[in-house]
Amino acid sequence: KMYEEWLREFTVRFGDDEGNEATFNGTIVQALMLLNGNRINEAVRPSQGNTSSTAARMGPKGLDYVFLAALSRPPNNAERNACMQILRQAKSPEVGYQDILWALLNSNEFFLNH
């Protein structure tokens, strides 16, 4: 639902390359807004009951939870190793999961599948 709202907002603000609001092809401005905009930051910022906060409380299963929430699949071994390194270096588990969730929501896999 949130993705559909973002998509609608982008199309209303910027339109698409053909001036058609029925389809969405995306522009650089739209991509940058999604990557750095307030909506994505609000969505991943740890707060009571959201994905980042819940994952941080789950311990080792939190990573699977974040991947399932964003990509509908668990992480593969390479992704798990990379994410565990992020979590070890993060100021807190919440911040680590926030960073991972942000990356997943901005991944090609998320855009192509959702």
PDB file of N, CA and C in Angstrom:
ATOM      1  N   LYS A   1       0.826  -1.193   0.000  1.00  0.00           N
ATOM      2  CA  LYS A   1       0.000   0.000   0.000  1.00  0.00           C
ATOM      3  C   LYS A   1       0.876   1.264   0.000  1.00  0.00           C
ATOM      4  N   MET A   2       1.936   1.246   0.822  1.00  0.00           N
ATOM      5  CA  MET A   2       2.817   2.409   0.902  1.00  0.00           C
ATOM      6  C   MET A   2       3.486   2.656  -0.451  1.00  0.00           C
ATOM      7  N   TYR A   3       3.900   1.566  -1.126  1.00  0.00           N
ATOM      8  CA  TYR A   3       4.530   1.717  -2.437  1.00  0.00           C
ATOM      9  C   TYR A   3       3.561   2.359  -3.417  1.00  0.00           C
ATOM     10  N   GLU A   4       2.310   1.941  -3.407  1.00  0.00           N
ATOM     11  CA  GLU A   4       1.309   2.524  -4.309  1.00  0.00           C
ATOM     12  C   GLU A   4       1.112   4.007  -4.025  1.00  0.00           C
ATOM     13  N   GLU A   5       1.140   4.392  -2.755  1.00  0.00           N
ATOM     14  CA  GLU A   5       1.014   5.809  -2.406  1.00  0.00           C
ATOM     15  C   GLU A   5       2.215   6.600  -2.902  1.00  0.00           C
ATOM     16  N   TRP A   6       3.424   6.047  -2.741  1.00  0.00           N
ATOM     17  CA  TRP A   6       4.623   6.721  -3.237  1.00  0.00           C
ATOM     18  C   TRP A   6       4.560   6.856  -4.753  1.00  0.00           C
ATOM     19  N   LEU A   7       4.160   5.781  -5.418  1.00  0.00           N
ATOM     20  CA  LEU A   7       4.069   5.791  -6.870  1.00  0.00           C
ATOM     21  C   LEU A   7       3.095   6.861  -7.346  1.00  0.00           C
ATOM     22  N   ARG A   8       1.953   6.935  -6.714  1.00  0.00           N
ATOM     23  CA  ARG A   8       0.947   7.943  -7.061  1.00  0.00           C
ATOM     24  C   ARG A   8       1.491   9.354  -6.816  1.00  0.00           C
ATOM     25  N   GLU A   9       2.174   9.548  -5.695  1.00  0.00           N
ATOM     26  CA  GLU A   9       2.745  10.859  -5.378  1.00  0.00           C
ATOM     27  C   GLU A   9       3.787  11.274  -6.414  1.00  0.00           C
ATOM     28  N   PHE A  10       4.664  10.353  -6.794  1.00  0.00           N
ATOM     29  CA  PHE A  10       5.673  10.661  -7.800  1.00  0.00           C
ATOM     30  C   PHE A  10       5.036  11.034  -9.126  1.00  0.00           C
ATOM     31  N   THR A  11       4.064  10.265  -9.555  1.00  0.00           N
ATOM     32  CA  THR A  11       3.421  10.514 -10.844  1.00  0.00           C
ATOM     33  C   THR A  11       2.692  11.847 -10.834  1.00  0.00           C
ATOM     34  N   VAL A  12       2.047  12.175  -9.735  1.00  0.00           N
ATOM     35  CA  VAL A  12       1.344  13.453  -9.636  1.00  0.00           C
ATOM     36  C   VAL A  12       2.334  14.608  -9.655  1.00  0.00           C
ATOM     37  N   ARG A  13       3.437  14.475  -8.901  1.00  0.00           N
ATOM     38  CA  ARG A  13       4.416  15.562  -8.839  1.00  0.00           C
ATOM     39  C   ARG A  13       5.205  15.742 -10.121  1.00  0.00           C
ATOM     40  N   PHE A  14       5.616  14.634 -10.709  1.00  0.00           N
ATOM     41  CA  PHE A  14       6.560  14.716 -11.808  1.00  0.00           C
ATOM     42  C   PHE A  14       6.027  14.216 -13.144  1.00  0.00           C
ATOM     43  N   GLY A  15       4.957  13.429 -13.147  1.00  0.00           N
ATOM     44  CA  GLY A  15       4.499  12.806 -14.382  1.00  0.00           C
ATOM     45  C   GLY A  15       5.540  11.801 -14.846  1.00  0.00           C
ATOM     46  N   ASP A  16       5.325  11.238 -16.024  1.00  0.00           N
ATOM     47  CA  ASP A  16       6.340  10.357 -16.577  1.00  0.00           C
ATOM     48  C   ASP A  16       6.898  10.979 -17.850  1.00  0.00           C
ATOM     49  N   ASP A  17       7.754  10.258 -18.524  1.00  0.00           N
ATOM     50  CA  ASP A  17       8.435  10.804 -19.697  1.00  0.00           C
ATOM     51  C   ASP A  17       7.497  11.164 -20.837  1.00  0.00           C
ATOM     52  N   GLU A  18       6.358  10.491 -20.927  1.00  0.00           N
ATOM     53  CA  GLU A  18       5.406  10.764 -22.001  1.00  0.00           C
ATOM     54  C   GLU A  18       4.248  11.653 -21.550  1.00  0.00           C
ATOM     55  N   GLY A  19       4.268  12.130 -20.328  1.00  0.00           N
ATOM     56  CA  GLY A  19       3.166  12.923 -19.816  1.00  0.00           C
ATOM     57  C   GLY A  19       1.953  12.073 -19.491  1.00  0.00           C
ATOM     58  N   ASN A  20       2.151  10.779 -19.348  1.00  0.00           N
ATOM     59  CA  ASN A  20       1.069   9.839 -19.089  1.00  0.00           C
ATOM     60  C   ASN A  20       1.070   9.468 -17.611  1.00  0.00           C
ATOM     61  N   GLU A  21      -0.046   9.658 -16.962  1.00  0.00           N
ATOM     62  CA  GLU A  21      -0.112   9.320 -15.539  1.00  0.00           C
ATOM     63  C   GLU A  21      -0.580   7.896 -15.294  1.00  0.00           C
ATOM     64  N   ALA A  22      -0.971   7.164 -16.322  1.00  0.00           N
ATOM     65  CA  ALA A  22      -1.457   5.796 -16.142  1.00  0.00           C
ATOM     66  C   ALA A  22      -0.317   4.801 -15.957  1.00  0.00           C
ATOM     67  N   THR A  23       0.867   5.099 -16.478  1.00  0.00           N
ATOM     68  CA  THR A  23       2.009   4.208 -16.318  1.00  0.00           C
ATOM     69  C   THR A  23       3.131   4.970 -15.638  1.00  0.00           C
ATOM     70  N   PHE A  24       4.033   4.224 -15.061  1.00  0.00           N
ATOM     71  CA  PHE A  24       5.139   4.840 -14.326  1.00  0.00           C
ATOM     72  C   PHE A  24       6.443   4.220 -14.783  1.00  0.00           C
ATOM     73  N   ASN A  25       7.309   5.015 -15.372  1.00  0.00           N
ATOM     74  CA  ASN A  25       8.608   4.538 -15.812  1.00  0.00           C
ATOM     75  C   ASN A  25       9.717   5.065 -14.917  1.00  0.00           C
ATOM     76  N   GLY A  26       9.459   6.101 -14.177  1.00  0.00           N
ATOM     77  CA  GLY A  26      10.432   6.653 -13.257  1.00  0.00           C
ATOM     78  C   GLY A  26      11.403   7.602 -13.927  1.00  0.00           C
ATOM     79  N   THR A  27      11.887   8.536 -13.154  1.00  0.00           N
ATOM     80  CA  THR A  27      12.892   9.482 -13.607  1.00  0.00           C
ATOM     81  C   THR A  27      13.985   9.529 -12.551  1.00  0.00           C
ATOM     82  N   ILE A  28      15.068  10.182 -12.873  1.00  0.00           N
ATOM     83  CA  ILE A  28      16.162  10.321 -11.911  1.00  0.00           C
ATOM     84  C   ILE A  28      15.694  11.082 -10.679  1.00  0.00           C
ATOM     85  N   VAL A  29      14.938  12.126 -10.875  1.00  0.00           N
ATOM     86  CA  VAL A  29      14.437  12.919  -9.739  1.00  0.00           C
ATOM     87  C   VAL A  29      13.567  12.050  -8.838  1.00  0.00           C
ATOM     88  N   GLN A  30      12.719  11.234  -9.443  1.00  0.00           N
ATOM     89  CA  GLN A  30      11.859  10.361  -8.652  1.00  0.00           C
ATOM     90  C   GLN A  30      12.685   9.336  -7.878  1.00  0.00           C
ATOM     91  N   ALA A  31      13.679   8.764  -8.536  1.00  0.00           N
ATOM     92  CA  ALA A  31      14.523   7.782  -7.861  1.00  0.00           C
ATOM     93  C   ALA A  31      15.259   8.412  -6.685  1.00  0.00           C
ATOM     94  N   LEU A  32      15.795   9.603  -6.883  1.00  0.00           N
ATOM     95  CA  LEU A  32      16.496  10.286  -5.800  1.00  0.00           C
ATOM     96  C   LEU A  32      15.554  10.633  -4.653  1.00  0.00           C
ATOM     97  N   MET A  33      14.339  11.011  -4.986  1.00  0.00           N
ATOM     98  CA  MET A  33      13.367  11.328  -3.940  1.00  0.00           C
ATOM     99  C   MET A  33      13.039  10.084  -3.121  1.00  0.00           C
ATOM    100  N   LEU A  34      12.908   8.947  -3.787  1.00  0.00           N
ATOM    101  CA  LEU A  34      12.634   7.714  -3.067  1.00  0.00           C
ATOM    102  C   LEU A  34      13.832   7.312  -2.212  1.00  0.00           C
ATOM    103  N   LEU A  35      15.029   7.440  -2.760  1.00  0.00           N
ATOM    104  CA  LEU A  35      16.230   7.060  -2.020  1.00  0.00           C
ATOM    105  C   LEU A  35      16.476   7.940  -0.804  1.00  0.00           C
ATOM    106  N   ASN A  36      16.203   9.239  -0.933  1.00  0.00           N
ATOM    107  CA  ASN A  36      16.580  10.189   0.109  1.00  0.00           C
ATOM    108  C   ASN A  36      15.413  10.952   0.720  1.00  0.00           C
ATOM    109  N   GLY A  37      14.221  10.646   0.306  1.00  0.00           N
ATOM    110  CA  GLY A  37      13.073  11.428   0.739  1.00  0.00           C
ATOM    111  C   GLY A  37      12.602  11.125   2.150  1.00  0.00           C
ATOM    112  N   ASN A  38      11.741  11.989   2.640  1.00  0.00           N
ATOM    113  CA  ASN A  38      11.204  11.838   3.994  1.00  0.00           C
ATOM    114  C   ASN A  38      10.379  10.575   4.157  1.00  0.00           C
ATOM    115  N   ARG A  39       9.619  10.201   3.128  1.00  0.00           N
ATOM    116  CA  ARG A  39       8.756   9.023   3.252  1.00  0.00           C
ATOM    117  C   ARG A  39       9.555   7.758   3.524  1.00  0.00           C
ATOM    118  N   ILE A  40      10.627   7.547   2.774  1.00  0.00           N
ATOM    119  CA  ILE A  40      11.419   6.332   2.985  1.00  0.00           C
ATOM    120  C   ILE A  40      12.100   6.382   4.341  1.00  0.00           C
ATOM    121  N   ASN A  41      12.594   7.542   4.742  1.00  0.00           N
ATOM    122  CA  ASN A  41      13.241   7.658   6.048  1.00  0.00           C
ATOM    123  C   ASN A  41      12.251   7.432   7.184  1.00  0.00           C
ATOM    124  N   GLU A  42      11.046   7.932   7.041  1.00  0.00           N
ATOM    125  CA  GLU A  42      10.024   7.691   8.063  1.00  0.00           C
ATOM    126  C   GLU A  42       9.642   6.217   8.113  1.00  0.00           C
ATOM    127  N   ALA A  43       9.612   5.574   6.952  1.00  0.00           N
ATOM    128  CA  ALA A  43       9.207   4.173   6.894  1.00  0.00           C
ATOM    129  C   ALA A  43      10.209   3.241   7.563  1.00  0.00           C
ATOM    130  N   VAL A  44      11.502   3.553   7.467  1.00  0.00           N
ATOM    131  CA  VAL A  44      12.516   2.654   8.020  1.00  0.00           C
ATOM    132  C   VAL A  44      13.000   3.065   9.404  1.00  0.00           C
ATOM    133  N   ARG A  45      12.740   4.301   9.816  1.00  0.00           N
ATOM    134  CA  ARG A  45      13.195   4.782  11.132  1.00  0.00           C
ATOM    135  C   ARG A  45      12.563   3.925  12.226  1.00  0.00           C
ATOM    136  N   PRO A  46      13.387   3.415  13.152  1.00  0.00           N
ATOM    137  CA  PRO A  46      12.831   2.583  14.218  1.00  0.00           C
ATOM    138  C   PRO A  46      11.813   3.343  15.058  1.00  0.00           C
ATOM    139  N   SER A  47      10.653   2.783  15.164  1.00  0.00           N
ATOM    140  CA  SER A  47       9.627   3.301  16.063  1.00  0.00           C
ATOM    141  C   SER A  47       8.790   2.122  16.524  1.00  0.00           C
ATOM    142  N   GLN A  48       8.044   2.314  17.560  1.00  0.00           N
ATOM    143  CA  GLN A  48       7.278   1.244  18.191  1.00  0.00           C
ATOM    144  C   GLN A  48       6.474   0.442  17.167  1.00  0.00           C
ATOM    145  N   GLY A  49       6.787  -0.844  17.053  1.00  0.00           N
ATOM    146  CA  GLY A  49       5.998  -1.748  16.239  1.00  0.00           C
ATOM    147  C   GLY A  49       6.341  -1.796  14.762  1.00  0.00           C
ATOM    148  N   ASN A  50       7.296  -0.969  14.285  1.00  0.00           N
ATOM    149  CA  ASN A  50       7.596  -1.051  12.853  1.00  0.00           C
ATOM    150  C   ASN A  50       8.647  -2.131  12.605  1.00  0.00           C
ATOM    151  N   THR A  51       8.986  -2.345  11.345  1.00  0.00           N
ATOM    152  CA  THR A  51       9.848  -3.457  10.955  1.00  0.00           C
ATOM    153  C   THR A  51      11.227  -3.389  11.589  1.00  0.00           C
ATOM    154  N   SER A  52      11.880  -2.232  11.551  1.00  0.00           N
ATOM    155  CA  SER A  52      13.226  -2.105  12.120  1.00  0.00           C
ATOM    156  C   SER A  52      13.233  -2.388  13.616  1.00  0.00           C
ATOM    157  N   SER A  53      12.291  -1.828  14.311  1.00  0.00           N
ATOM    158  CA  SER A  53      12.204  -1.999  15.756  1.00  0.00           C
ATOM    159  C   SER A  53      11.883  -3.444  16.132  1.00  0.00           C
ATOM    160  N   THR A  54      10.948  -4.036  15.421  1.00  0.00           N
ATOM    161  CA  THR A  54      10.567  -5.424  15.689  1.00  0.00           C
ATOM    162  C   THR A  54      11.739  -6.364  15.426  1.00  0.00           C
ATOM    163  N   ALA A  55      12.435  -6.172  14.307  1.00  0.00           N
ATOM    164  CA  ALA A  55      13.575  -7.025  13.966  1.00  0.00           C
ATOM    165  C   ALA A  55      14.660  -6.940  15.029  1.00  0.00           C
ATOM    166  N   ALA A  56      14.914  -5.758  15.549  1.00  0.00           N
ATOM    167  CA  ALA A  56      15.960  -5.572  16.561  1.00  0.00           C
ATOM    168  C   ALA A  56      15.653  -6.358  17.827  1.00  0.00           C
ATOM    169  N   ARG A  57      14.394  -6.522  18.142  1.00  0.00           N
ATOM    170  CA  ARG A  57      13.999  -7.263  19.348  1.00  0.00           C
ATOM    171  C   ARG A  57      13.998  -8.773  19.126  1.00  0.00           C
ATOM    172  N   MET A  58      14.117  -9.220  17.884  1.00  0.00           N
ATOM    173  CA  MET A  58      14.002 -10.638  17.569  1.00  0.00           C
ATOM    174  C   MET A  58      15.325 -11.395  17.654  1.00  0.00           C
ATOM    175  N   GLY A  59      16.414 -10.689  17.867  1.00  0.00           N
ATOM    176  CA  GLY A  59      17.699 -11.362  17.916  1.00  0.00           C
ATOM    177  C   GLY A  59      18.103 -11.894  16.552  1.00  0.00           C
ATOM    178  N   PRO A  60      18.671 -13.100  16.485  1.00  0.00           N
ATOM    179  CA  PRO A  60      19.176 -13.645  15.223  1.00  0.00           C
ATOM    180  C   PRO A  60      18.107 -13.803  14.132  1.00  0.00           C
ATOM    181  N   LYS A  61      16.871 -13.957  14.508  1.00  0.00           N
ATOM    182  CA  LYS A  61      15.797 -14.119  13.516  1.00  0.00           C
ATOM    183  C   LYS A  61      15.350 -12.791  12.912  1.00  0.00           C
ATOM    184  N   GLY A  62      15.860 -11.698  13.434  1.00  0.00           N
ATOM    185  CA  GLY A  62      15.475 -10.382  12.928  1.00  0.00           C
ATOM    186  C   GLY A  62      15.838 -10.164  11.474  1.00  0.00           C
ATOM    187  N   LEU A  63      16.959 -10.709  11.048  1.00  0.00           N
ATOM    188  CA  LEU A  63      17.375 -10.532   9.659  1.00  0.00           C
ATOM    189  C   LEU A  63      16.408 -11.221   8.699  1.00  0.00           C
ATOM    190  N   ASP A  64      15.999 -12.436   9.047  1.00  0.00           N
ATOM    191  CA  ASP A  64      15.002 -13.122   8.221  1.00  0.00           C
ATOM    192  C   ASP A  64      13.709 -12.325   8.174  1.00  0.00           C
ATOM    193  N   TYR A  65      13.331 -11.751   9.297  1.00  0.00           N
ATOM    194  CA  TYR A  65      12.105 -10.961   9.377  1.00  0.00           C
ATOM    195  C   TYR A  65      12.147  -9.768   8.421  1.00  0.00           C
ATOM    196  N   VAL A  66      13.270  -9.052   8.397  1.00  0.00           N
ATOM    197  CA  VAL A  66      13.415  -7.878   7.532  1.00  0.00           C
ATOM    198  C   VAL A  66      13.375  -8.289   6.055  1.00  0.00           C
ATOM    199  N   PHE A  67      14.079  -9.338   5.723  1.00  0.00           N
ATOM    200  CA  PHE A  67      14.083  -9.801   4.326  1.00  0.00           C
ATOM    201  C   PHE A  67      12.694 -10.273   3.898  1.00  0.00           C
ATOM    202  N   LEU A  68      12.016 -10.999   4.754  1.00  0.00           N
ATOM    203  CA  LEU A  68      10.665 -11.451   4.415  1.00  0.00           C
ATOM    204  C   LEU A  68       9.718 -10.269   4.249  1.00  0.00           C
ATOM    205  N   ALA A  69       9.872  -9.268   5.099  1.00  0.00           N
ATOM    206  CA  ALA A  69       9.006  -8.089   5.011  1.00  0.00           C
ATOM    207  C   ALA A  69       9.248  -7.315   3.722  1.00  0.00           C
ATOM    208  N   ALA A  70      10.503  -7.191   3.312  1.00  0.00           N
ATOM    209  CA  ALA A  70      10.832  -6.372   2.146  1.00  0.00           C
ATOM    210  C   ALA A  70      10.807  -7.151   0.835  1.00  0.00           C
ATOM    211  N   LEU A  71      11.336  -8.369   0.838  1.00  0.00           N
ATOM    212  CA  LEU A  71      11.523  -9.101  -0.415  1.00  0.00           C
ATOM    213  C   LEU A  71      10.749 -10.412  -0.496  1.00  0.00           C
ATOM    214  N   SER A  72      10.050 -10.761   0.570  1.00  0.00           N
ATOM    215  CA  SER A  72       9.248 -11.998   0.617  1.00  0.00           C
ATOM    216  C   SER A  72      10.111 -13.252   0.476  1.00  0.00           C
ATOM    217  N   ARG A  73      11.333 -13.171   0.966  1.00  0.00           N
ATOM    218  CA  ARG A  73      12.232 -14.329   0.954  1.00  0.00           C
ATOM    219  C   ARG A  73      13.296 -14.122   2.022  1.00  0.00           C
ATOM    220  N   PRO A  74      13.901 -15.206   2.487  1.00  0.00           N
ATOM    221  CA  PRO A  74      15.001 -15.054   3.444  1.00  0.00           C
ATOM    222  C   PRO A  74      16.279 -14.649   2.712  1.00  0.00           C
ATOM    223  N   PRO A  75      17.269 -14.138   3.438  1.00  0.00           N
ATOM    224  CA  PRO A  75      18.535 -13.769   2.799  1.00  0.00           C
ATOM    225  C   PRO A  75      19.328 -15.016   2.411  1.00  0.00           C
ATOM    226  N   ASN A  76      20.094 -14.902   1.326  1.00  0.00           N
ATOM    227  CA  ASN A  76      21.007 -16.000   0.994  1.00  0.00           C
ATOM    228  C   ASN A  76      22.258 -15.860   1.863  1.00  0.00           C
ATOM    229  N   ASN A  77      23.181 -16.783   1.739  1.00  0.00           N
ATOM    230  CA  ASN A  77      24.365 -16.775   2.618  1.00  0.00           C
ATOM    231  C   ASN A  77      25.205 -15.513   2.461  1.00  0.00           C
ATOM    232  N   ALA A  78      25.411 -15.072   1.236  1.00  0.00           N
ATOM    233  CA  ALA A  78      26.217 -13.861   1.012  1.00  0.00           C
ATOM    234  C   ALA A  78      25.525 -12.641   1.617  1.00  0.00           C
ATOM    235  N   GLU A  79      24.222 -12.532   1.428  1.00  0.00           N
ATOM    236  CA  GLU A  79      23.465 -11.409   2.002  1.00  0.00           C
ATOM    237  C   GLU A  79      23.488 -11.464   3.518  1.00  0.00           C
ATOM    238  N   ARG A  80      23.329 -12.660   4.055  1.00  0.00           N
ATOM    239  CA  ARG A  80      23.345 -12.810   5.515  1.00  0.00           C
ATOM    240  C   ARG A  80      24.689 -12.368   6.082  1.00  0.00           C
ATOM    241  N   ASN A  81      25.779 -12.784   5.457  1.00  0.00           N
ATOM    242  CA  ASN A  81      27.110 -12.396   5.942  1.00  0.00           C
ATOM    243  C   ASN A  81      27.318 -10.889   5.868  1.00  0.00           C
ATOM    244  N   ALA A  82      26.905 -10.274   4.752  1.00  0.00           N
ATOM    245  CA  ALA A  82      27.052  -8.823   4.599  1.00  0.00           C
ATOM    246  C   ALA A  82      26.212  -8.081   5.636  1.00  0.00           C
ATOM    247  N   CYS A  83      24.999  -8.545   5.837  1.00  0.00           N
ATOM    248  CA  CYS A  83      24.108  -7.882   6.803  1.00  0.00           C
ATOM    249  C   CYS A  83      24.598  -8.066   8.236  1.00  0.00           C
ATOM    250  N   MET A  84      25.142  -9.213   8.546  1.00  0.00           N
ATOM    251  CA  MET A  84      25.668  -9.422   9.892  1.00  0.00           C
ATOM    252  C   MET A  84      26.834  -8.476  10.175  1.00  0.00           C
ATOM    253  N   GLN A  85      27.622  -8.199   9.154  1.00  0.00           N
ATOM    254  CA  GLN A  85      28.717  -7.234   9.321  1.00  0.00           C
ATOM    255  C   GLN A  85      28.154  -5.834   9.581  1.00  0.00           C
ATOM    256  N   ILE A  86      27.101  -5.466   8.861  1.00  0.00           N
ATOM    257  CA  ILE A  86      26.446  -4.172   9.088  1.00  0.00           C
ATOM    258  C   ILE A  86      25.918  -4.094  10.512  1.00  0.00           C
ATOM    259  N   LEU A  87      25.287  -5.165  10.966  1.00  0.00           N
ATOM    260  CA  LEU A  87      24.718  -5.174  12.319  1.00  0.00           C
ATOM    261  C   LEU A  87      25.812  -5.088  13.383  1.00  0.00           C
ATOM    262  N   ARG A  88      26.931  -5.731  13.154  1.00  0.00           N
ATOM    263  CA  ARG A  88      28.045  -5.665  14.122  1.00  0.00           C
ATOM    264  C   ARG A  88      28.627  -4.257  14.210  1.00  0.00           C
ATOM    265  N   GLN A  89      28.637  -3.537  13.103  1.00  0.00           N
ATOM    266  CA  GLN A  89      29.254  -2.207  13.071  1.00  0.00           C
ATOM    267  C   GLN A  89      28.273  -1.087  13.428  1.00  0.00           C
ATOM    268  N   ALA A  90      26.998  -1.388  13.496  1.00  0.00           N
ATOM    269  CA  ALA A  90      25.988  -0.362  13.766  1.00  0.00           C
ATOM    270  C   ALA A  90      26.041   0.104  15.220  1.00  0.00           C
ATOM    271  N   LYS A  91      25.595   1.341  15.444  1.00  0.00           N
ATOM    272  CA  LYS A  91      25.535   1.900  16.800  1.00  0.00           C
ATOM    273  C   LYS A  91      24.607   1.087  17.695  1.00  0.00           C
ATOM    274  N   SER A  92      23.538   0.568  17.099  1.00  0.00           N
ATOM    275  CA  SER A  92      22.558  -0.236  17.824  1.00  0.00           C
ATOM    276  C   SER A  92      21.895  -1.179  16.821  1.00  0.00           C
ATOM    277  N   PRO A  93      21.254  -2.237  17.315  1.00  0.00           N
ATOM    278  CA  PRO A  93      20.543  -3.128  16.390  1.00  0.00           C
ATOM    279  C   PRO A  93      19.476  -2.398  15.573  1.00  0.00           C
ATOM    280  N   GLU A  94      18.784  -1.461  16.196  1.00  0.00           N
ATOM    281  CA  GLU A  94      17.742  -0.716  15.482  1.00  0.00           C
ATOM    282  C   GLU A  94      18.321   0.038  14.291  1.00  0.00           C
ATOM    283  N   VAL A  95      19.457   0.681  14.490  1.00  0.00           N
ATOM    284  CA  VAL A  95      20.101   1.441  13.411  1.00  0.00           C
ATOM    285  C   VAL A  95      20.577   0.488  12.315  1.00  0.00           C
ATOM    286  N   GLY A  96      21.130  -0.647  12.702  1.00  0.00           N
ATOM    287  CA  GLY A  96      21.576  -1.628  11.723  1.00  0.00           C
ATOM    288  C   GLY A  96      20.429  -2.133  10.866  1.00  0.00           C
ATOM    289  N   TYR A  97      19.331  -2.477  11.501  1.00  0.00           N
ATOM    290  CA  TYR A  97      18.169  -2.956  10.742  1.00  0.00           C
ATOM    291  C   TYR A  97      17.542  -1.844   9.912  1.00  0.00           C
ATOM    292  N   GLN A  98      17.598  -0.628  10.407  1.00  0.00           N
ATOM    293  CA  GLN A  98      17.115   0.512   9.622  1.00  0.00           C
ATOM    294  C   GLN A  98      17.900   0.626   8.327  1.00  0.00           C
ATOM    295  N   ASP A  99      19.222   0.527   8.414  1.00  0.00           N
ATOM    296  CA  ASP A  99      20.076   0.623   7.224  1.00  0.00           C
ATOM    297  C   ASP A  99      19.810  -0.525   6.252  1.00  0.00           C
ATOM    298  N   ILE A 100      19.669  -1.723   6.790  1.00  0.00           N
ATOM    299  CA  ILE A 100      19.409  -2.890   5.933  1.00  0.00           C
ATOM    300  C   ILE A 100      18.057  -2.756   5.250  1.00  0.00           C
ATOM    301  N   LEU A 101      17.038  -2.366   5.994  1.00  0.00           N
ATOM    302  CA  LEU A 101      15.706  -2.216   5.410  1.00  0.00           C
ATOM    303  C   LEU A 101      15.702  -1.138   4.330  1.00  0.00           C
ATOM    304  N   TRP A 102      16.387  -0.031   4.591  1.00  0.00           N
ATOM    305  CA  TRP A 102      16.474   1.038   3.585  1.00  0.00           C
ATOM    306  C   TRP A 102      17.078   0.495   2.296  1.00  0.00           C
ATOM    307  N   ALA A 103      18.171  -0.264   2.416  1.00  0.00           N
ATOM    308  CA  ALA A 103      18.832  -0.824   1.233  1.00  0.00           C
ATOM    309  C   ALA A 103      17.917  -1.792   0.494  1.00  0.00           C
ATOM    310  N   LEU A 104      17.200  -2.614   1.234  1.00  0.00           N
ATOM    311  CA  LEU A 104      16.300  -3.579   0.587  1.00  0.00           C
ATOM    312  C   LEU A 104      15.151  -2.886  -0.136  1.00  0.00           C
ATOM    313  N   LEU A 105      14.595  -1.849   0.476  1.00  0.00           N
ATOM    314  CA  LEU A 105      13.481  -1.135  -0.156  1.00  0.00           C
ATOM    315  C   LEU A 105      13.920  -0.342  -1.377  1.00  0.00           C
ATOM    316  N   ASN A 106      15.209  -0.076  -1.491  1.00  0.00           N
ATOM    317  CA  ASN A 106      15.737   0.635  -2.652  1.00  0.00           C
ATOM    318  C   ASN A 106      16.459  -0.296  -3.620  1.00  0.00           C
ATOM    319  N   SER A 107      16.297  -1.577  -3.442  1.00  0.00           N
ATOM    320  CA  SER A 107      16.959  -2.546  -4.320  1.00  0.00           C
ATOM    321  C   SER A 107      16.149  -2.784  -5.578  1.00  0.00           C
ATOM    322  N   ASN A 108      16.821  -3.205  -6.628  1.00  0.00           N
ATOM    323  CA  ASN A 108      16.131  -3.555  -7.871  1.00  0.00           C
ATOM    324  C   ASN A 108      15.140  -4.680  -7.644  1.00  0.00           C
ATOM    325  N   GLU A 109      15.491  -5.624  -6.791  1.00  0.00           N
ATOM    326  CA  GLU A 109      14.588  -6.740  -6.522  1.00  0.00           C
ATOM    327  C   GLU A 109      13.264  -6.253  -5.956  1.00  0.00           C
ATOM    328  N   PHE A 110      13.319  -5.298  -5.044  1.00  0.00           N
ATOM    329  CA  PHE A 110      12.070  -4.760  -4.479  1.00  0.00           C
ATOM    330  C   PHE A 110      11.247  -4.065  -5.576  1.00  0.00           C
ATOM    331  N   PHE A 111      11.882  -3.235  -6.378  1.00  0.00           N
ATOM    332  CA  PHE A 111      11.168  -2.512  -7.424  1.00  0.00           C
ATOM    333  C   PHE A 111      10.567  -3.449  -8.457  1.00  0.00           C
ATOM    334  N   LEU A 112      11.305  -4.480  -8.827  1.00  0.00           N
ATOM    335  CA  LEU A 112      10.825  -5.388  -9.867  1.00  0.00           C
ATOM    336  C   LEU A 112       9.749  -6.334  -9.379  1.00  0.00           C
ATOM    337  N   ASN A 113       9.786  -6.688  -8.102  1.00  0.00           N
ATOM    338  CA  ASN A 113       8.822  -7.651  -7.573  1.00  0.00           C
ATOM    339  C   ASN A 113       7.613  -7.009  -6.923  1.00  0.00           C
ATOM    340  N   HIS A 114       7.733  -5.761  -6.508  1.00  0.00           N
ATOM    341  CA  HIS A 114       6.630  -5.147  -5.768  1.00  0.00           C
ATOM    342  C   HIS A 114       6.239  -3.896  -6.477  1.00  0.00           C
TER     343      HIS A 114
END
